[in-house]
Amino acid sequence: MNVLTAILLVVSFITFKFYQSTKVPKGLKNVPTLSFLDFLITIYINAGPDKRWEYARETLEKEGIAKAWSNGNWVLVVTDLELAKDILTKTDLYPKALLKESFPKSLLTQYYGVNLVFSNGDEWKRHRRIANPSFRNLPVHVFVESATKLLNIVEKIDNEPIEVNNLMHRLTLDVLGKAAFGFDFNNLEDPNNVYVTAYKEVMEEFRNPLYFVFSFLDNLPRSEATKKIAKLNNLYDGIVESKRKSMKMDELEKKINNNSADLLERMIYACKDPENPTLTNEELRHDLAIFMLAGHDTIRKYEISLPEDSIHKDKLQIEPDVSGTSGPHPVPLIFKRRTE
């Protein structure tokens, strides 16, 4: 009887917590709802934004706004341009949700913490003030070098499909590493290097569908996932320490003053005073994490345009998506060497 009672209590607790988290707030009851089952399917098959858009297209094109249940919370998805403009510009009325408040014990908070994206007000301004100058004078030669390396890789592929989406991910991460961190991830030539592998392992933990359905499980220890995050954080720390050791403080100050410092150098300089740092070492690591996300997981859309009379084009093969949709999707390219 005691065992049965315990089981009933556990089931009742799980049911109650699930009901609590899925109950629609009064203010959102009249807002159209996106299917949570469809959302779970996109997570399970690791679909990109193009696939997710297909599941939500009809509702969002008609209404411009919809609610969706995600990771234990109801969120609003907005596509109406005027409403989106208000949300993005009136930050006093629409502050960003903070990880430490929305998911205080989650892996997401542990990994991303407080950073340039997940911060508001003066805290956001502080992060932005440090990072912003780095993007005013981007080193063009880095883009040229990485693009040349990409072309060399494509040139070696003879009469075989080329996974453009994958190559764009690898290219972007290499450019980000060199331009922002002064570090070569070498992802184009070695897509399974330790940095990318560790990053992907952490992202897989975040995409676990079980925690999207039962978000309160995040309150329980996840030792394996925590170890993976610690491993990735150690790699980030290694990049930072390598940069610190390679430069003297007077050299760094000179680069800051003439606006030639990269993003990582500016963040390291912001940490230089241990008594009163503009940026803490932990915040530096969290900013590195969010920029890694920007460099690896946001390159999902692209357009390929080749003029009909292009002397460089032999054949462009576009295979329709199996779903029959017209949205962006990976396009296999086949290039044939000219024989004439």
Foldseek 3Di string as FASTA:
>chain_A
DVVVVVVVVVVVVLVVLLCVLPPDDPVQPPFAAQDQVLVLVCLVVVHAPLSVCVSCVVRCVVPQKHWYQWLSHIDMDGRPPVVVVCLVPVCVVNPDDACCVPPVLAPCCVQQPDECVRDDDPSNVLRCVLAVLLPPDFDVVLLVVLVVLLVVVVVPDAQDWDFVLQQQLQSLLQSCCCSALVDGPVCNVPVCDPQNVLLVVLVNVVSPSVCGSRVVCSVPDDVVSVVSSVVNLVVVVVSLVVVVVVDDPVVLVVCVVVSNDHSSSSQVNQCPDVVDGSAHPVRSSSHVSVVSCVSRPPSFADDDDDDPPDPQADDADADADPVNDPTDDGGTGTGHDDPD
